[in-house]
Amino acid sequence: MRLDENGDPVEYPSLLTQAGTTLKAVAKFAASGCKTVDQDRYERRLEICRGCPLFDATASRCTSCGCLTSVKLRMASESCPHPEGARWGPE
């Protein structure tokens, strides 16, 4: 298990849950015609993620869904998985 900058364990959803989330994201992405966001939108999304307590900055991953943000943030069809409500949405 990885530790964060404070020495606390970083926990992600189970691998099975992450696999399911990834498959759904890829299906939505394909259905959208593989549309991506422009660089400005990507950077705005990234700034929102960086300010979120669920963002693992060391791994550049979301601990809510386990996704690699470098990929997820580019997909126009994706939205933030924050359990209290999306902080950014699909385009």
N, C-alpha and C. Protein backbone atom coordinates (compact mmCIF):
# COMPACT_ATOMS: atom_id res chain seq x y z
N MET A 1 0.85 -1.18 0.00
CA MET A 1 0.00 0.00 0.00
C MET A 1 0.89 1.24 0.00
N ARG A 2 0.52 2.19 -0.83
CA ARG A 2 1.24 3.44 -0.91
C ARG A 2 0.84 4.36 0.22
N LEU A 3 1.76 5.24 0.62
CA LEU A 3 1.48 6.24 1.65
C LEU A 3 1.49 7.61 1.02
N ASP A 4 0.64 8.48 1.54
CA ASP A 4 0.63 9.86 1.03
C ASP A 4 1.74 10.67 1.69
N GLU A 5 1.78 11.96 1.40
CA GLU A 5 2.85 12.82 1.92
C GLU A 5 2.82 12.95 3.44
N ASN A 6 1.68 12.60 4.07
CA ASN A 6 1.58 12.64 5.54
C ASN A 6 1.85 11.28 6.17
N GLY A 7 2.16 10.27 5.35
CA GLY A 7 2.40 8.93 5.85
C GLY A 7 1.15 8.09 6.03
N ASP A 8 0.00 8.63 5.58
CA ASP A 8 -1.25 7.88 5.68
C ASP A 8 -1.42 6.99 4.45
N PRO A 9 -2.05 5.82 4.63
CA PRO A 9 -2.25 4.93 3.48
C PRO A 9 -3.20 5.56 2.45
N VAL A 10 -2.87 5.37 1.19
CA VAL A 10 -3.73 5.83 0.09
C VAL A 10 -4.55 4.63 -0.36
N GLU A 11 -5.86 4.74 -0.27
CA GLU A 11 -6.72 3.63 -0.63
C GLU A 11 -7.52 3.96 -1.89
N TYR A 12 -7.64 2.96 -2.74
CA TYR A 12 -8.40 3.07 -3.98
C TYR A 12 -9.52 2.04 -3.94
N PRO A 13 -10.51 2.17 -4.83
CA PRO A 13 -11.52 1.12 -4.93
C PRO A 13 -10.85 -0.21 -5.30
N SER A 14 -11.58 -1.30 -5.12
CA SER A 14 -11.03 -2.61 -5.49
C SER A 14 -10.69 -2.64 -6.98
N LEU A 15 -9.80 -3.55 -7.36
CA LEU A 15 -9.44 -3.67 -8.77
C LEU A 15 -10.64 -4.02 -9.64
N LEU A 16 -11.54 -4.82 -9.12
CA LEU A 16 -12.75 -5.17 -9.87
C LEU A 16 -13.61 -3.93 -10.12
N THR A 17 -13.77 -3.10 -9.10
CA THR A 17 -14.52 -1.85 -9.24
C THR A 17 -13.83 -0.93 -10.24
N GLN A 18 -12.52 -0.82 -10.14
CA GLN A 18 -11.78 0.03 -11.08
C GLN A 18 -11.92 -0.47 -12.51
N ALA A 19 -11.89 -1.79 -12.70
CA ALA A 19 -12.04 -2.36 -14.04
C ALA A 19 -13.43 -2.03 -14.60
N GLY A 20 -14.46 -2.15 -13.78
CA GLY A 20 -15.81 -1.81 -14.22
C GLY A 20 -15.94 -0.34 -14.58
N THR A 21 -15.37 0.52 -13.77
CA THR A 21 -15.40 1.95 -14.03
C THR A 21 -14.68 2.28 -15.34
N THR A 22 -13.55 1.63 -15.56
CA THR A 22 -12.78 1.85 -16.78
C THR A 22 -13.55 1.40 -18.01
N LEU A 23 -14.17 0.24 -17.93
CA LEU A 23 -14.95 -0.26 -19.07
C LEU A 23 -16.10 0.68 -19.42
N LYS A 24 -16.80 1.18 -18.40
CA LYS A 24 -17.90 2.13 -18.64
C LYS A 24 -17.37 3.41 -19.27
N ALA A 25 -16.25 3.90 -18.78
CA ALA A 25 -15.67 5.14 -19.33
C ALA A 25 -15.27 4.96 -20.78
N VAL A 26 -14.65 3.82 -21.09
CA VAL A 26 -14.22 3.56 -22.47
C VAL A 26 -15.44 3.44 -23.38
N ALA A 27 -16.51 2.78 -22.91
CA ALA A 27 -17.73 2.64 -23.72
C ALA A 27 -18.35 4.01 -24.00
N LYS A 28 -18.42 4.87 -22.98
CA LYS A 28 -18.97 6.23 -23.19
C LYS A 28 -18.09 7.03 -24.14
N PHE A 29 -16.79 6.88 -23.98
CA PHE A 29 -15.84 7.59 -24.83
C PHE A 29 -16.00 7.16 -26.29
N ALA A 30 -16.11 5.86 -26.52
CA ALA A 30 -16.31 5.35 -27.88
C ALA A 30 -17.64 5.83 -28.45
N ALA A 31 -18.70 5.80 -27.63
CA ALA A 31 -20.02 6.25 -28.08
C ALA A 31 -20.03 7.73 -28.43
N SER A 32 -19.14 8.50 -27.81
CA SER A 32 -19.07 9.94 -28.09
C SER A 32 -18.30 10.23 -29.36
N GLY A 33 -17.77 9.19 -30.00
CA GLY A 33 -16.92 9.41 -31.17
C GLY A 33 -15.49 9.72 -30.77
N CYS A 34 -15.12 9.32 -29.56
CA CYS A 34 -13.78 9.55 -29.01
C CYS A 34 -13.43 11.03 -28.92
N LYS A 35 -14.43 11.83 -28.53
CA LYS A 35 -14.21 13.27 -28.39
C LYS A 35 -13.37 13.57 -27.16
N THR A 36 -12.44 14.48 -27.33
CA THR A 36 -11.59 14.92 -26.23
C THR A 36 -11.80 16.41 -25.98
N VAL A 37 -11.35 16.86 -24.84
CA VAL A 37 -11.46 18.28 -24.50
C VAL A 37 -10.19 19.01 -24.95
N ASP A 38 -10.32 20.32 -25.13
CA ASP A 38 -9.14 21.10 -25.51
C ASP A 38 -8.23 21.30 -24.29
N GLN A 39 -7.06 21.84 -24.51
CA GLN A 39 -6.06 21.98 -23.45
C GLN A 39 -6.55 22.87 -22.31
N ASP A 40 -7.27 23.96 -22.63
CA ASP A 40 -7.78 24.84 -21.58
C ASP A 40 -8.75 24.10 -20.66
N ARG A 41 -9.67 23.33 -21.25
CA ARG A 41 -10.65 22.59 -20.45
C ARG A 41 -9.94 21.52 -19.60
N TYR A 42 -8.96 20.85 -20.21
CA TYR A 42 -8.18 19.85 -19.48
C TYR A 42 -7.51 20.49 -18.26
N GLU A 43 -6.89 21.62 -18.45
CA GLU A 43 -6.19 22.29 -17.34
C GLU A 43 -7.17 22.76 -16.26
N ARG A 44 -8.37 23.22 -16.65
CA ARG A 44 -9.37 23.61 -15.65
C ARG A 44 -9.80 22.40 -14.83
N ARG A 45 -10.04 21.28 -15.52
CA ARG A 45 -10.41 20.06 -14.81
C ARG A 45 -9.30 19.62 -13.86
N LEU A 46 -8.08 19.68 -14.32
CA LEU A 46 -6.94 19.28 -13.50
C LEU A 46 -6.81 20.15 -12.26
N GLU A 47 -7.01 21.45 -12.40
CA GLU A 47 -6.95 22.35 -11.24
C GLU A 47 -8.02 21.99 -10.21
N ILE A 48 -9.21 21.64 -10.69
CA ILE A 48 -10.29 21.23 -9.78
C ILE A 48 -9.86 19.96 -9.04
N CYS A 49 -9.32 19.00 -9.77
CA CYS A 49 -8.88 17.75 -9.14
C CYS A 49 -7.76 18.01 -8.13
N ARG A 50 -6.82 18.85 -8.49
CA ARG A 50 -5.70 19.13 -7.57
C ARG A 50 -6.18 19.74 -6.26
N GLY A 51 -7.30 20.43 -6.28
CA GLY A 51 -7.84 21.03 -5.07
C GLY A 51 -8.74 20.10 -4.28
N CYS A 52 -8.94 18.89 -4.76
CA CYS A 52 -9.84 17.94 -4.12
C CYS A 52 -9.08 17.04 -3.14
N PRO A 53 -9.63 16.79 -1.96
CA PRO A 53 -8.97 15.91 -1.00
C PRO A 53 -8.90 14.45 -1.46
N LEU A 54 -9.66 14.09 -2.47
CA LEU A 54 -9.65 12.71 -2.98
C LEU A 54 -8.61 12.50 -4.08
N PHE A 55 -7.89 13.55 -4.44
CA PHE A 55 -6.88 13.46 -5.49
C PHE A 55 -5.55 13.03 -4.89
N ASP A 56 -4.96 11.99 -5.45
CA ASP A 56 -3.64 11.52 -5.05
C ASP A 56 -2.63 12.15 -6.00
N ALA A 57 -2.04 13.25 -5.57
CA ALA A 57 -1.14 14.02 -6.45
C ALA A 57 0.12 13.25 -6.82
N THR A 58 0.61 12.43 -5.92
CA THR A 58 1.82 11.67 -6.21
C THR A 58 1.62 10.71 -7.38
N ALA A 59 0.49 10.04 -7.41
CA ALA A 59 0.19 9.08 -8.48
C ALA A 59 -0.64 9.70 -9.60
N SER A 60 -1.10 10.92 -9.41
CA SER A 60 -2.00 11.61 -10.36
C SER A 60 -3.23 10.76 -10.64
N ARG A 61 -3.84 10.31 -9.53
CA ARG A 61 -5.03 9.45 -9.62
C ARG A 61 -6.11 9.94 -8.66
N CYS A 62 -7.33 9.61 -9.01
CA CYS A 62 -8.48 9.90 -8.16
C CYS A 62 -8.71 8.71 -7.25
N THR A 63 -8.78 8.95 -5.94
CA THR A 63 -9.00 7.84 -5.02
C THR A 63 -10.47 7.45 -4.95
N SER A 64 -11.36 8.24 -5.53
CA SER A 64 -12.77 7.88 -5.55
C SER A 64 -13.04 6.79 -6.57
N CYS A 65 -12.47 6.92 -7.76
CA CYS A 65 -12.70 5.94 -8.83
C CYS A 65 -11.46 5.14 -9.19
N GLY A 66 -10.28 5.65 -8.83
CA GLY A 66 -9.04 4.98 -9.16
C GLY A 66 -8.48 5.33 -10.52
N CYS A 67 -9.17 6.18 -11.25
CA CYS A 67 -8.75 6.51 -12.62
C CYS A 67 -7.45 7.31 -12.65
N LEU A 68 -6.74 7.14 -13.74
CA LEU A 68 -5.58 7.99 -14.02
C LEU A 68 -6.13 9.30 -14.57
N THR A 69 -5.91 10.37 -13.87
CA THR A 69 -6.50 11.64 -14.29
C THR A 69 -5.95 12.12 -15.62
N SER A 70 -4.72 11.75 -15.96
CA SER A 70 -4.15 12.19 -17.24
C SER A 70 -4.96 11.67 -18.41
N VAL A 71 -5.67 10.56 -18.22
CA VAL A 71 -6.52 9.99 -19.27
C VAL A 71 -7.96 10.48 -19.12
N LYS A 72 -8.51 10.32 -17.93
CA LYS A 72 -9.92 10.65 -17.71
C LYS A 72 -10.25 12.11 -18.00
N LEU A 73 -9.37 13.00 -17.62
CA LEU A 73 -9.64 14.42 -17.82
C LEU A 73 -9.69 14.82 -19.29
N ARG A 74 -9.09 14.03 -20.16
CA ARG A 74 -9.10 14.30 -21.61
C ARG A 74 -10.41 13.89 -22.28
N MET A 75 -11.13 12.95 -21.67
CA MET A 75 -12.35 12.42 -22.27
C MET A 75 -13.52 13.38 -22.08
N ALA A 76 -14.06 13.90 -23.16
CA ALA A 76 -15.17 14.85 -23.09
C ALA A 76 -16.41 14.23 -22.46
N SER A 77 -16.56 12.94 -22.55
CA SER A 77 -17.74 12.24 -22.05
C SER A 77 -17.70 11.97 -20.55
N GLU A 78 -16.58 12.20 -19.91
CA GLU A 78 -16.43 11.86 -18.49
C GLU A 78 -16.79 13.02 -17.56
N SER A 79 -17.08 12.66 -16.30
CA SER A 79 -17.35 13.66 -15.28
C SER A 79 -16.66 13.24 -13.98
N CYS A 80 -16.57 14.17 -13.08
CA CYS A 80 -15.95 13.94 -11.78
C CYS A 80 -16.78 12.93 -10.99
N PRO A 81 -16.13 11.93 -10.37
CA PRO A 81 -16.86 10.92 -9.61
C PRO A 81 -16.99 11.22 -8.11
N HIS A 82 -16.78 12.46 -7.72
CA HIS A 82 -16.81 12.78 -6.29
C HIS A 82 -18.12 12.30 -5.68
N PRO A 83 -18.06 11.60 -4.55
CA PRO A 83 -19.27 11.03 -3.95
C PRO A 83 -20.29 12.07 -3.49
N GLU A 84 -19.87 13.30 -3.29
CA GLU A 84 -20.81 14.36 -2.88
C GLU A 84 -21.33 15.16 -4.06
N GLY A 85 -20.97 14.76 -5.26
CA GLY A 85 -21.43 15.45 -6.47
C GLY A 85 -20.26 15.84 -7.35
N ALA A 86 -20.47 15.75 -8.64
CA ALA A 86 -19.43 16.04 -9.62
C ALA A 86 -18.95 17.48 -9.50
N ARG A 87 -17.65 17.66 -9.57
CA ARG A 87 -17.06 19.00 -9.52
C ARG A 87 -16.78 19.52 -10.93
N TRP A 88 -16.84 18.65 -11.92
CA TRP A 88 -16.79 19.02 -13.32
C TRP A 88 -17.55 17.94 -14.08
N GLY A 89 -18.08 18.32 -15.24
CA GLY A 89 -18.95 17.38 -15.94
C GLY A 89 -18.57 17.16 -17.39
N PRO A 90 -19.36 16.32 -18.06
CA PRO A 90 -19.10 16.06 -19.47
C PRO A 90 -19.38 17.29 -20.31
N GLU A 91 -18.77 17.30 -21.47
CA GLU A 91 -18.94 18.45 -22.37
C GLU A 91 -20.11 18.21 -23.29
